[in-house]
Amino acid sequence: MPRDATETRSRLIAEAERLFADQGIWRVRVQDIVAAAGQRNSSALTYHFGSRRGVLDAILADHGEPIDRERGEVWTALDDNRTPALIEALIRPLIRRLSTPSGRCYLRIVAQLSAEFGRWNLDPTHVPAHLDTILRRLRDRPPVESPAQQDERVLGMIQLMISSLAERARCIEAGEPLATTEDVYQANLVDMLAGVIEAPARALAVTRP
């Protein structure tokens, strides 16, 4: 790709990322992104990405692939398959994204896609390899035996994880004081998420239809 085209693509991604995080994915118009990127050609985004969903997918891929590589590195280094270690491998690369504006935008964008979280087990080809493996190991943990209840626990854990990270990202962007240091936040989040997975079972066991 020519240098000018590469620079244009990068500017479009950067502006889309910022606008999606600040205004909401579905409120931002294609022409808003094009204008923010300083492009006179109104079809610039369509040329590079096809659609608003196309640029969103590019943003998710740009962040998601390196995050999953880091996730695998953390898991290998921990060399531990207990629930807290699996969760730490999940969240440590995400917490690192809190240190950059782009990473904070990414976390706030992902939080807007909560309706898609439950699909991770339905279409594993679209889930990064290490993320898929860790989620499946967490799903198979006791104390619940029903597949439906296991899936609900994993989904609840994902929702809590992303919403918590997105809120911390928002606070940092807004310059609001943080209640805890990063180390304390990470340890507390691991404990909370492990609690979702390992909480004693009280509900009646059910089977998936």
N, C-alpha and C. Protein backbone atom coordinates (compact mmCIF):
# COMPACT_ATOMS: atom_id res chain seq x y z
N MET A 1 0.85 -1.19 0.00
CA MET A 1 0.00 0.00 0.00
C MET A 1 0.88 1.24 0.00
N PRO A 2 0.65 2.22 -0.89
CA PRO A 2 1.45 3.45 -0.91
C PRO A 2 1.44 4.14 0.44
N ARG A 3 2.52 4.90 0.69
CA ARG A 3 2.65 5.56 1.99
C ARG A 3 1.46 6.45 2.30
N ASP A 4 1.01 7.25 1.33
CA ASP A 4 -0.12 8.15 1.57
C ASP A 4 -1.36 7.37 1.98
N ALA A 5 -1.59 6.24 1.30
CA ALA A 5 -2.76 5.42 1.60
C ALA A 5 -2.64 4.82 3.00
N THR A 6 -1.41 4.40 3.37
CA THR A 6 -1.20 3.84 4.71
C THR A 6 -1.46 4.89 5.78
N GLU A 7 -0.99 6.12 5.53
CA GLU A 7 -1.20 7.20 6.49
C GLU A 7 -2.68 7.55 6.60
N THR A 8 -3.37 7.55 5.48
CA THR A 8 -4.80 7.83 5.49
C THR A 8 -5.54 6.77 6.30
N ARG A 9 -5.20 5.53 6.06
CA ARG A 9 -5.84 4.42 6.79
C ARG A 9 -5.60 4.57 8.29
N SER A 10 -4.37 4.90 8.68
CA SER A 10 -4.05 5.05 10.09
C SER A 10 -4.82 6.21 10.73
N ARG A 11 -4.95 7.33 9.99
CA ARG A 11 -5.70 8.47 10.53
C ARG A 11 -7.18 8.13 10.69
N LEU A 12 -7.72 7.41 9.72
CA LEU A 12 -9.13 7.02 9.82
C LEU A 12 -9.37 6.11 11.02
N ILE A 13 -8.47 5.17 11.23
CA ILE A 13 -8.61 4.27 12.38
C ILE A 13 -8.51 5.06 13.68
N ALA A 14 -7.52 5.95 13.76
CA ALA A 14 -7.31 6.72 14.99
C ALA A 14 -8.53 7.59 15.32
N GLU A 15 -9.08 8.24 14.32
CA GLU A 15 -10.24 9.11 14.56
C GLU A 15 -11.50 8.31 14.84
N ALA A 16 -11.67 7.20 14.15
CA ALA A 16 -12.82 6.34 14.42
C ALA A 16 -12.75 5.80 15.84
N GLU A 17 -11.58 5.41 16.25
CA GLU A 17 -11.38 4.89 17.61
C GLU A 17 -11.77 5.93 18.65
N ARG A 18 -11.30 7.15 18.45
CA ARG A 18 -11.61 8.22 19.40
C ARG A 18 -13.10 8.55 19.41
N LEU A 19 -13.69 8.67 18.23
CA LEU A 19 -15.12 9.02 18.15
C LEU A 19 -16.01 7.89 18.68
N PHE A 20 -15.67 6.66 18.35
CA PHE A 20 -16.46 5.52 18.86
C PHE A 20 -16.45 5.49 20.38
N ALA A 21 -15.28 5.75 20.97
CA ALA A 21 -15.17 5.72 22.42
C ALA A 21 -15.92 6.88 23.07
N ASP A 22 -15.80 8.07 22.49
CA ASP A 22 -16.38 9.27 23.11
C ASP A 22 -17.87 9.42 22.86
N GLN A 23 -18.31 9.08 21.65
CA GLN A 23 -19.70 9.35 21.26
C GLN A 23 -20.57 8.11 21.13
N GLY A 24 -19.97 6.96 21.01
CA GLY A 24 -20.74 5.73 20.83
C GLY A 24 -20.62 5.22 19.41
N ILE A 25 -20.40 3.94 19.28
CA ILE A 25 -20.17 3.34 17.97
C ILE A 25 -21.28 3.67 16.98
N TRP A 26 -22.53 3.53 17.42
CA TRP A 26 -23.65 3.62 16.49
C TRP A 26 -24.17 5.03 16.31
N ARG A 27 -23.61 5.99 17.06
CA ARG A 27 -23.98 7.40 16.88
C ARG A 27 -23.05 8.11 15.90
N VAL A 28 -21.87 7.58 15.72
CA VAL A 28 -20.89 8.22 14.84
C VAL A 28 -21.20 7.88 13.39
N ARG A 29 -21.23 8.90 12.57
CA ARG A 29 -21.49 8.69 11.14
C ARG A 29 -20.16 8.53 10.40
N VAL A 30 -20.23 7.85 9.27
CA VAL A 30 -19.03 7.66 8.45
C VAL A 30 -18.43 9.00 8.10
N GLN A 31 -19.28 9.97 7.73
CA GLN A 31 -18.76 11.28 7.34
C GLN A 31 -18.10 12.00 8.50
N ASP A 32 -18.51 11.71 9.74
CA ASP A 32 -17.85 12.31 10.90
C ASP A 32 -16.40 11.82 11.01
N ILE A 33 -16.21 10.53 10.76
CA ILE A 33 -14.85 9.97 10.82
C ILE A 33 -13.98 10.55 9.72
N VAL A 34 -14.54 10.61 8.53
CA VAL A 34 -13.80 11.13 7.38
C VAL A 34 -13.38 12.57 7.63
N ALA A 35 -14.30 13.38 8.14
CA ALA A 35 -14.00 14.79 8.41
C ALA A 35 -12.94 14.93 9.50
N ALA A 36 -13.08 14.15 10.56
CA ALA A 36 -12.12 14.22 11.67
C ALA A 36 -10.72 13.83 11.23
N ALA A 37 -10.65 12.92 10.25
CA ALA A 37 -9.35 12.47 9.73
C ALA A 37 -8.78 13.43 8.71
N GLY A 38 -9.50 14.53 8.42
CA GLY A 38 -9.01 15.54 7.50
C GLY A 38 -9.02 15.11 6.04
N GLN A 39 -9.97 14.23 5.69
CA GLN A 39 -10.05 13.73 4.33
C GLN A 39 -11.11 14.50 3.53
N ARG A 40 -10.74 14.95 2.36
CA ARG A 40 -11.69 15.65 1.50
C ARG A 40 -12.56 14.67 0.73
N ASN A 41 -12.02 13.50 0.45
CA ASN A 41 -12.77 12.49 -0.30
C ASN A 41 -13.74 11.79 0.64
N SER A 42 -15.02 11.98 0.43
CA SER A 42 -16.03 11.42 1.33
C SER A 42 -16.08 9.90 1.31
N SER A 43 -15.49 9.29 0.28
CA SER A 43 -15.51 7.82 0.18
C SER A 43 -14.23 7.18 0.72
N ALA A 44 -13.40 7.97 1.43
CA ALA A 44 -12.11 7.45 1.90
C ALA A 44 -12.29 6.25 2.83
N LEU A 45 -13.22 6.35 3.76
CA LEU A 45 -13.41 5.24 4.69
C LEU A 45 -13.95 4.01 3.97
N THR A 46 -14.90 4.22 3.06
CA THR A 46 -15.46 3.10 2.30
C THR A 46 -14.38 2.42 1.49
N TYR A 47 -13.47 3.20 0.92
CA TYR A 47 -12.38 2.64 0.12
C TYR A 47 -11.49 1.72 0.96
N HIS A 48 -11.15 2.16 2.17
CA HIS A 48 -10.21 1.40 3.00
C HIS A 48 -10.87 0.29 3.80
N PHE A 49 -12.11 0.50 4.23
CA PHE A 49 -12.72 -0.45 5.18
C PHE A 49 -14.08 -0.99 4.74
N GLY A 50 -14.68 -0.40 3.75
CA GLY A 50 -15.96 -0.89 3.27
C GLY A 50 -17.16 -0.28 3.96
N SER A 51 -17.06 -0.08 5.29
CA SER A 51 -18.20 0.41 6.06
C SER A 51 -17.74 0.81 7.45
N ARG A 52 -18.67 1.34 8.23
CA ARG A 52 -18.39 1.64 9.63
C ARG A 52 -18.04 0.37 10.39
N ARG A 53 -18.76 -0.71 10.11
CA ARG A 53 -18.43 -1.98 10.76
C ARG A 53 -17.03 -2.45 10.35
N GLY A 54 -16.64 -2.17 9.14
CA GLY A 54 -15.32 -2.56 8.68
C GLY A 54 -14.21 -1.87 9.45
N VAL A 55 -14.36 -0.57 9.72
CA VAL A 55 -13.34 0.14 10.48
C VAL A 55 -13.38 -0.30 11.94
N LEU A 56 -14.56 -0.62 12.45
CA LEU A 56 -14.66 -1.15 13.82
C LEU A 56 -13.92 -2.48 13.92
N ASP A 57 -14.12 -3.35 12.96
CA ASP A 57 -13.43 -4.64 12.97
C ASP A 57 -11.91 -4.46 12.89
N ALA A 58 -11.47 -3.45 12.14
CA ALA A 58 -10.04 -3.18 12.03
C ALA A 58 -9.47 -2.72 13.38
N ILE A 59 -10.22 -1.89 14.08
CA ILE A 59 -9.80 -1.44 15.41
C ILE A 59 -9.69 -2.62 16.36
N LEU A 60 -10.70 -3.48 16.36
CA LEU A 60 -10.70 -4.63 17.26
C LEU A 60 -9.54 -5.57 16.95
N ALA A 61 -9.26 -5.75 15.67
CA ALA A 61 -8.15 -6.63 15.27
C ALA A 61 -6.80 -6.02 15.64
N ASP A 62 -6.65 -4.73 15.44
CA ASP A 62 -5.38 -4.06 15.74
C ASP A 62 -5.00 -4.20 17.21
N HIS A 63 -6.00 -4.18 18.07
CA HIS A 63 -5.74 -4.34 19.50
C HIS A 63 -5.81 -5.81 19.92
N GLY A 64 -6.79 -6.52 19.41
CA GLY A 64 -7.07 -7.87 19.89
C GLY A 64 -5.95 -8.86 19.64
N GLU A 65 -5.31 -8.79 18.50
CA GLU A 65 -4.26 -9.76 18.17
C GLU A 65 -3.05 -9.62 19.09
N PRO A 66 -2.49 -8.42 19.28
CA PRO A 66 -1.37 -8.32 20.23
C PRO A 66 -1.78 -8.62 21.67
N ILE A 67 -3.00 -8.27 22.05
CA ILE A 67 -3.47 -8.59 23.39
C ILE A 67 -3.48 -10.10 23.60
N ASP A 68 -3.93 -10.84 22.61
CA ASP A 68 -3.99 -12.29 22.78
C ASP A 68 -2.59 -12.91 22.82
N ARG A 69 -1.65 -12.34 22.07
CA ARG A 69 -0.27 -12.83 22.16
C ARG A 69 0.26 -12.60 23.58
N GLU A 70 0.02 -11.43 24.12
CA GLU A 70 0.46 -11.13 25.48
C GLU A 70 -0.23 -12.06 26.48
N ARG A 71 -1.49 -12.34 26.23
CA ARG A 71 -2.25 -13.23 27.11
C ARG A 71 -1.58 -14.61 27.17
N GLY A 72 -1.18 -15.11 26.02
CA GLY A 72 -0.49 -16.40 25.99
C GLY A 72 0.84 -16.34 26.72
N GLU A 73 1.57 -15.23 26.58
CA GLU A 73 2.87 -15.08 27.26
C GLU A 73 2.68 -15.04 28.78
N VAL A 74 1.66 -14.32 29.24
CA VAL A 74 1.40 -14.25 30.68
C VAL A 74 1.04 -15.62 31.22
N TRP A 75 0.19 -16.32 30.52
CA TRP A 75 -0.25 -17.64 30.96
C TRP A 75 0.94 -18.61 31.03
N THR A 76 1.78 -18.57 30.01
CA THR A 76 2.96 -19.44 30.00
C THR A 76 3.88 -19.11 31.18
N ALA A 77 4.07 -17.82 31.43
CA ALA A 77 4.96 -17.42 32.52
C ALA A 77 4.40 -17.82 33.89
N LEU A 78 3.09 -17.73 34.05
CA LEU A 78 2.48 -18.10 35.32
C LEU A 78 2.54 -19.61 35.55
N ASP A 79 2.42 -20.38 34.46
CA ASP A 79 2.48 -21.85 34.54
C ASP A 79 1.55 -22.38 35.62
N ASP A 80 0.29 -21.95 35.55
CA ASP A 80 -0.67 -22.25 36.62
C ASP A 80 -2.06 -22.30 35.98
N ASN A 81 -2.79 -23.39 36.22
CA ASN A 81 -4.12 -23.53 35.64
C ASN A 81 -5.24 -23.30 36.64
N ARG A 82 -4.91 -22.78 37.81
CA ARG A 82 -5.96 -22.46 38.76
C ARG A 82 -6.73 -21.22 38.29
N THR A 83 -7.94 -21.08 38.78
CA THR A 83 -8.82 -20.01 38.31
C THR A 83 -8.19 -18.62 38.41
N PRO A 84 -7.61 -18.21 39.54
CA PRO A 84 -7.03 -16.86 39.61
C PRO A 84 -5.94 -16.63 38.56
N ALA A 85 -5.12 -17.64 38.28
CA ALA A 85 -4.06 -17.48 37.29
C ALA A 85 -4.63 -17.35 35.89
N LEU A 86 -5.66 -18.13 35.57
CA LEU A 86 -6.30 -18.00 34.26
C LEU A 86 -6.88 -16.61 34.08
N ILE A 87 -7.52 -16.11 35.13
CA ILE A 87 -8.11 -14.78 35.05
C ILE A 87 -7.04 -13.70 34.96
N GLU A 88 -5.95 -13.87 35.68
CA GLU A 88 -4.86 -12.90 35.59
C GLU A 88 -4.31 -12.84 34.17
N ALA A 89 -4.20 -14.01 33.53
CA ALA A 89 -3.75 -14.03 32.13
C ALA A 89 -4.73 -13.30 31.23
N LEU A 90 -6.01 -13.37 31.55
CA LEU A 90 -7.03 -12.66 30.78
C LEU A 90 -6.89 -11.16 30.92
N ILE A 91 -6.71 -10.69 32.14
CA ILE A 91 -6.87 -9.26 32.38
C ILE A 91 -5.58 -8.46 32.33
N ARG A 92 -4.42 -9.09 32.58
CA ARG A 92 -3.20 -8.30 32.66
C ARG A 92 -2.90 -7.53 31.37
N PRO A 93 -3.05 -8.17 30.19
CA PRO A 93 -2.83 -7.39 28.96
C PRO A 93 -3.85 -6.27 28.78
N LEU A 94 -5.07 -6.47 29.27
CA LEU A 94 -6.09 -5.43 29.16
C LEU A 94 -5.77 -4.26 30.09
N ILE A 95 -5.31 -4.56 31.28
CA ILE A 95 -4.95 -3.51 32.22
C ILE A 95 -3.79 -2.67 31.67
N ARG A 96 -2.88 -3.30 30.95
CA ARG A 96 -1.79 -2.55 30.34
C ARG A 96 -2.33 -1.50 29.36
N ARG A 97 -3.48 -1.77 28.74
CA ARG A 97 -4.05 -0.82 27.77
C ARG A 97 -4.55 0.44 28.45
N LEU A 98 -4.70 0.43 29.75
CA LEU A 98 -5.13 1.63 30.46
C LEU A 98 -4.06 2.71 30.44
N SER A 99 -2.84 2.37 30.07
CA SER A 99 -1.74 3.33 30.11
C SER A 99 -1.65 4.21 28.87
N THR A 100 -2.43 3.93 27.83
CA THR A 100 -2.37 4.74 26.61
C THR A 100 -3.77 5.21 26.20
N PRO A 101 -3.87 6.37 25.57
CA PRO A 101 -5.18 6.84 25.10
C PRO A 101 -5.85 5.86 24.15
N SER A 102 -5.06 5.28 23.23
CA SER A 102 -5.63 4.33 22.28
C SER A 102 -6.15 3.09 22.99
N GLY A 103 -5.39 2.60 23.96
CA GLY A 103 -5.84 1.43 24.71
C GLY A 103 -7.10 1.71 25.50
N ARG A 104 -7.19 2.91 26.08
CA ARG A 104 -8.39 3.27 26.83
C ARG A 104 -9.59 3.38 25.91
N CYS A 105 -9.39 3.92 24.72
CA CYS A 105 -10.48 3.97 23.74
C CYS A 105 -10.94 2.55 23.41
N TYR A 106 -9.99 1.66 23.20
CA TYR A 106 -10.34 0.28 22.85
C TYR A 106 -11.22 -0.35 23.93
N LEU A 107 -10.86 -0.19 25.18
CA LEU A 107 -11.63 -0.79 26.26
C LEU A 107 -13.05 -0.21 26.31
N ARG A 108 -13.17 1.09 26.08
CA ARG A 108 -14.49 1.72 26.09
C ARG A 108 -15.33 1.29 24.88
N ILE A 109 -14.66 0.99 23.79
CA ILE A 109 -15.37 0.50 22.60
C ILE A 109 -15.88 -0.92 22.85
N VAL A 110 -15.02 -1.78 23.36
CA VAL A 110 -15.41 -3.17 23.60
C VAL A 110 -16.61 -3.24 24.55
N ALA A 111 -16.65 -2.35 25.54
CA ALA A 111 -17.77 -2.35 26.48
C ALA A 111 -19.10 -2.10 25.80
N GLN A 112 -19.08 -1.43 24.66
CA GLN A 112 -20.32 -1.16 23.91
C GLN A 112 -20.81 -2.37 23.13
N LEU A 113 -20.00 -3.42 23.07
CA LEU A 113 -20.35 -4.61 22.30
C LEU A 113 -20.82 -5.75 23.18
N SER A 114 -21.36 -5.42 24.34
CA SER A 114 -21.74 -6.45 25.31
C SER A 114 -22.77 -7.44 24.76
N ALA A 115 -23.58 -6.99 23.82
CA ALA A 115 -24.58 -7.90 23.24
C ALA A 115 -23.93 -9.05 22.48
N GLU A 116 -22.66 -8.89 22.11
CA GLU A 116 -21.96 -9.92 21.36
C GLU A 116 -21.14 -10.85 22.24
N PHE A 117 -21.02 -10.55 23.54
CA PHE A 117 -20.15 -11.34 24.40
C PHE A 117 -20.58 -12.81 24.47
N GLY A 118 -21.88 -13.05 24.48
CA GLY A 118 -22.37 -14.41 24.63
C GLY A 118 -22.11 -15.29 23.43
N ARG A 119 -21.63 -14.71 22.33
CA ARG A 119 -21.41 -15.48 21.12
C ARG A 119 -20.05 -16.17 21.08
N TRP A 120 -19.21 -15.94 22.10
CA TRP A 120 -17.85 -16.47 22.04
C TRP A 120 -17.83 -17.99 21.88
N ASN A 121 -18.81 -18.66 22.48
CA ASN A 121 -18.84 -20.12 22.43
C ASN A 121 -19.58 -20.66 21.21
N LEU A 122 -20.27 -19.78 20.48
CA LEU A 122 -21.05 -20.22 19.33
C LEU A 122 -20.23 -20.19 18.05
N ASP A 123 -19.25 -19.29 17.99
CA ASP A 123 -18.45 -19.16 16.79
C ASP A 123 -16.98 -18.97 17.17
N PRO A 124 -16.31 -20.05 17.62
CA PRO A 124 -14.94 -19.93 18.11
C PRO A 124 -13.94 -19.48 17.07
N THR A 125 -14.29 -19.56 15.78
CA THR A 125 -13.34 -19.13 14.74
C THR A 125 -13.07 -17.63 14.81
N HIS A 126 -13.96 -16.87 15.46
CA HIS A 126 -13.80 -15.43 15.58
C HIS A 126 -13.26 -15.01 16.95
N VAL A 127 -12.86 -16.00 17.77
CA VAL A 127 -12.32 -15.72 19.09
C VAL A 127 -10.83 -16.02 19.10
N PRO A 128 -9.98 -15.08 19.54
CA PRO A 128 -8.54 -15.34 19.59
C PRO A 128 -8.23 -16.63 20.34
N ALA A 129 -7.18 -17.30 19.93
CA ALA A 129 -6.89 -18.65 20.40
C ALA A 129 -6.73 -18.75 21.91
N HIS A 130 -5.89 -17.89 22.50
CA HIS A 130 -5.65 -17.99 23.94
C HIS A 130 -6.90 -17.60 24.73
N LEU A 131 -7.62 -16.60 24.25
CA LEU A 131 -8.86 -16.21 24.91
C LEU A 131 -9.84 -17.37 24.90
N ASP A 132 -9.99 -18.02 23.78
CA ASP A 132 -10.92 -19.15 23.67
C ASP A 132 -10.53 -20.28 24.62
N THR A 133 -9.25 -20.61 24.67
CA THR A 133 -8.79 -21.70 25.53
C THR A 133 -9.03 -21.40 27.00
N ILE A 134 -8.71 -20.17 27.42
CA ILE A 134 -8.89 -19.80 28.83
C ILE A 134 -10.36 -19.78 29.21
N LEU A 135 -11.21 -19.22 28.35
CA LEU A 135 -12.64 -19.18 28.66
C LEU A 135 -13.22 -20.58 28.76
N ARG A 136 -12.78 -21.48 27.90
CA ARG A 136 -13.29 -22.86 27.96
C ARG A 136 -12.84 -23.56 29.24
N ARG A 137 -11.63 -23.30 29.67
CA ARG A 137 -11.16 -23.90 30.93
C ARG A 137 -11.94 -23.34 32.11
N LEU A 138 -12.23 -22.06 32.09
CA LEU A 138 -13.02 -21.47 33.17
C LEU A 138 -14.44 -22.00 33.16
N ARG A 139 -14.98 -22.21 31.99
CA ARG A 139 -16.36 -22.71 31.88
C ARG A 139 -16.49 -24.10 32.50
N ASP A 140 -15.47 -24.89 32.41
CA ASP A 140 -15.55 -26.27 32.89
C ASP A 140 -15.20 -26.42 34.36
N ARG A 141 -15.07 -25.31 35.09
CA ARG A 141 -14.75 -25.38 36.51
C ARG A 141 -15.98 -25.76 37.32
N PRO A 142 -15.78 -26.44 38.46
CA PRO A 142 -16.89 -26.58 39.41
C PRO A 142 -17.17 -25.20 40.01
N PRO A 143 -18.28 -24.99 40.73
CA PRO A 143 -19.12 -26.03 41.30
C PRO A 143 -20.38 -26.36 40.50
N VAL A 144 -20.68 -25.67 39.41
CA VAL A 144 -21.90 -25.98 38.67
C VAL A 144 -21.58 -27.00 37.59
N GLU A 145 -22.54 -27.87 37.32
CA GLU A 145 -22.33 -28.92 36.33
C GLU A 145 -23.16 -28.70 35.07
N SER A 146 -24.22 -27.92 35.17
CA SER A 146 -25.07 -27.66 34.02
C SER A 146 -24.33 -26.80 33.00
N PRO A 147 -24.28 -27.22 31.74
CA PRO A 147 -23.64 -26.39 30.71
C PRO A 147 -24.25 -24.99 30.62
N ALA A 148 -25.56 -24.89 30.78
CA ALA A 148 -26.21 -23.58 30.70
C ALA A 148 -25.74 -22.66 31.82
N GLN A 149 -25.62 -23.20 33.03
CA GLN A 149 -25.14 -22.40 34.16
C GLN A 149 -23.67 -22.04 34.01
N GLN A 150 -22.88 -22.96 33.47
CA GLN A 150 -21.47 -22.68 33.22
C GLN A 150 -21.33 -21.52 32.23
N ASP A 151 -22.12 -21.57 31.17
CA ASP A 151 -22.06 -20.50 30.18
C ASP A 151 -22.47 -19.17 30.78
N GLU A 152 -23.48 -19.18 31.66
CA GLU A 152 -23.92 -17.94 32.30
C GLU A 152 -22.83 -17.35 33.18
N ARG A 153 -22.10 -18.21 33.86
CA ARG A 153 -21.03 -17.71 34.72
C ARG A 153 -19.91 -17.07 33.91
N VAL A 154 -19.52 -17.72 32.83
CA VAL A 154 -18.47 -17.15 32.00
C VAL A 154 -18.92 -15.82 31.40
N LEU A 155 -20.16 -15.78 30.92
CA LEU A 155 -20.68 -14.54 30.35
C LEU A 155 -20.71 -13.44 31.41
N GLY A 156 -21.18 -13.76 32.61
CA GLY A 156 -21.21 -12.77 33.68
C GLY A 156 -19.81 -12.27 34.02
N MET A 157 -18.84 -13.17 34.01
CA MET A 157 -17.46 -12.78 34.28
C MET A 157 -16.93 -11.83 33.22
N ILE A 158 -17.20 -12.14 31.95
CA ILE A 158 -16.75 -11.27 30.85
C ILE A 158 -17.39 -9.89 30.97
N GLN A 159 -18.68 -9.85 31.25
CA GLN A 159 -19.39 -8.57 31.36
C GLN A 159 -18.82 -7.72 32.48
N LEU A 160 -18.58 -8.35 33.64
CA LEU A 160 -18.01 -7.61 34.77
C LEU A 160 -16.60 -7.13 34.45
N MET A 161 -15.80 -7.99 33.85
CA MET A 161 -14.41 -7.63 33.51
C MET A 161 -14.36 -6.42 32.59
N ILE A 162 -15.12 -6.46 31.51
CA ILE A 162 -15.05 -5.38 30.52
C ILE A 162 -15.67 -4.09 31.06
N SER A 163 -16.78 -4.20 31.76
CA SER A 163 -17.41 -2.97 32.28
C SER A 163 -16.51 -2.29 33.31
N SER A 164 -15.83 -3.08 34.13
CA SER A 164 -14.94 -2.52 35.13
C SER A 164 -13.75 -1.82 34.47
N LEU A 165 -13.15 -2.47 33.49
CA LEU A 165 -12.00 -1.88 32.79
C LEU A 165 -12.42 -0.62 32.02
N ALA A 166 -13.57 -0.67 31.40
CA ALA A 166 -14.04 0.49 30.63
C ALA A 166 -14.31 1.68 31.55
N GLU A 167 -14.86 1.43 32.72
CA GLU A 167 -15.12 2.52 33.66
C GLU A 167 -13.82 3.11 34.18
N ARG A 168 -12.83 2.27 34.43
CA ARG A 168 -11.53 2.81 34.88
C ARG A 168 -10.90 3.62 33.75
N ALA A 169 -11.04 3.14 32.52
CA ALA A 169 -10.52 3.90 31.37
C ALA A 169 -11.22 5.25 31.27
N ARG A 170 -12.53 5.27 31.48
CA ARG A 170 -13.28 6.53 31.41
C ARG A 170 -12.80 7.49 32.49
N CYS A 171 -12.58 6.99 33.70
CA CYS A 171 -12.13 7.84 34.80
C CYS A 171 -10.77 8.45 34.49
N ILE A 172 -9.87 7.65 33.93
CA ILE A 172 -8.55 8.16 33.59
C ILE A 172 -8.67 9.25 32.53
N GLU A 173 -9.47 9.01 31.51
CA GLU A 173 -9.65 9.99 30.44
C GLU A 173 -10.26 11.28 30.97
N ALA A 174 -11.15 11.16 31.93
CA ALA A 174 -11.82 12.34 32.48
C ALA A 174 -10.99 13.04 33.55
N GLY A 175 -9.85 12.45 33.92
CA GLY A 175 -9.02 13.04 34.96
C GLY A 175 -9.60 12.89 36.35
N GLU A 176 -10.48 11.92 36.54
CA GLU A 176 -11.09 11.70 37.85
C GLU A 176 -10.15 10.88 38.73
N PRO A 177 -10.19 11.09 40.03
CA PRO A 177 -9.31 10.32 40.92
C PRO A 177 -9.70 8.84 40.92
N LEU A 178 -8.70 7.99 40.98
CA LEU A 178 -8.93 6.55 41.01
C LEU A 178 -8.94 6.08 42.46
N ALA A 179 -9.84 5.17 42.76
CA ALA A 179 -9.99 4.71 44.15
C ALA A 179 -8.82 3.86 44.61
N THR A 180 -8.16 3.16 43.68
CA THR A 180 -7.08 2.25 44.04
C THR A 180 -5.92 2.39 43.05
N THR A 181 -4.76 1.94 43.47
CA THR A 181 -3.62 1.88 42.56
C THR A 181 -3.85 0.76 41.55
N GLU A 182 -3.02 0.74 40.51
CA GLU A 182 -3.20 -0.28 39.49
C GLU A 182 -3.00 -1.68 40.05
N ASP A 183 -2.00 -1.87 40.92
CA ASP A 183 -1.74 -3.19 41.48
C ASP A 183 -2.92 -3.67 42.32
N VAL A 184 -3.45 -2.77 43.14
CA VAL A 184 -4.60 -3.14 43.97
C VAL A 184 -5.82 -3.41 43.09
N TYR A 185 -6.01 -2.57 42.08
CA TYR A 185 -7.14 -2.77 41.17
C TYR A 185 -7.06 -4.14 40.49
N GLN A 186 -5.89 -4.48 40.00
CA GLN A 186 -5.74 -5.77 39.31
C GLN A 186 -6.02 -6.93 40.24
N ALA A 187 -5.46 -6.91 41.44
CA ALA A 187 -5.67 -8.00 42.39
C ALA A 187 -7.15 -8.11 42.78
N ASN A 188 -7.79 -6.97 42.99
CA ASN A 188 -9.20 -6.99 43.38
C ASN A 188 -10.08 -7.49 42.24
N LEU A 189 -9.75 -7.09 41.01
CA LEU A 189 -10.53 -7.56 39.87
C LEU A 189 -10.39 -9.06 39.69
N VAL A 190 -9.18 -9.58 39.86
CA VAL A 190 -8.98 -11.04 39.78
C VAL A 190 -9.86 -11.73 40.82
N ASP A 191 -9.87 -11.22 42.04
CA ASP A 191 -10.68 -11.83 43.11
C ASP A 191 -12.16 -11.79 42.77
N MET A 192 -12.64 -10.66 42.27
CA MET A 192 -14.06 -10.54 41.93
C MET A 192 -14.45 -11.51 40.82
N LEU A 193 -13.62 -11.58 39.79
CA LEU A 193 -13.95 -12.44 38.66
C LEU A 193 -13.86 -13.91 39.04
N ALA A 194 -12.88 -14.26 39.87
CA ALA A 194 -12.78 -15.63 40.35
C ALA A 194 -14.01 -15.99 41.18
N GLY A 195 -14.52 -15.00 41.91
CA GLY A 195 -15.73 -15.25 42.69
C GLY A 195 -16.92 -15.57 41.82
N VAL A 196 -17.04 -14.93 40.68
CA VAL A 196 -18.13 -15.23 39.75
C VAL A 196 -18.05 -16.68 39.29
N ILE A 197 -16.85 -17.13 38.97
CA ILE A 197 -16.67 -18.50 38.47
C ILE A 197 -16.84 -19.53 39.58
N GLU A 198 -16.32 -19.25 40.77
CA GLU A 198 -16.22 -20.27 41.81
C GLU A 198 -17.24 -20.12 42.94
N ALA A 199 -18.15 -19.19 42.84
CA ALA A 199 -19.15 -19.02 43.90
C ALA A 199 -19.95 -20.31 44.09
N PRO A 200 -20.31 -20.64 45.34
CA PRO A 200 -21.07 -21.87 45.58
C PRO A 200 -22.36 -21.89 44.77
N ALA A 201 -22.72 -23.08 44.30
CA ALA A 201 -23.93 -23.22 43.49
C ALA A 201 -25.15 -23.31 44.39
N ARG A 202 -26.14 -22.46 44.14
CA ARG A 202 -27.39 -22.51 44.89
C ARG A 202 -28.58 -22.78 43.98
N ALA A 203 -28.48 -22.35 42.72
CA ALA A 203 -29.61 -22.53 41.81
C ALA A 203 -29.79 -24.00 41.48
N LEU A 204 -31.04 -24.38 41.18
CA LEU A 204 -31.30 -25.74 40.74
C LEU A 204 -30.58 -25.99 39.44
N ALA A 205 -30.00 -27.16 39.29
CA ALA A 205 -29.31 -27.50 38.06
C ALA A 205 -30.30 -27.55 36.90
N VAL A 206 -29.89 -27.01 35.77
CA VAL A 206 -30.72 -27.06 34.58
C VAL A 206 -29.88 -27.58 33.43
N THR A 207 -30.52 -28.02 32.43
CA THR A 207 -29.82 -28.51 31.23
C THR A 207 -30.12 -27.59 30.08
N ARG A 208 -29.17 -27.48 29.18
CA ARG A 208 -29.37 -26.65 28.00
C ARG A 208 -30.44 -27.27 27.11
N PRO A 209 -31.41 -26.45 26.59
CA PRO A 209 -32.47 -27.00 25.73
C PRO A 209 -31.88 -27.69 24.52
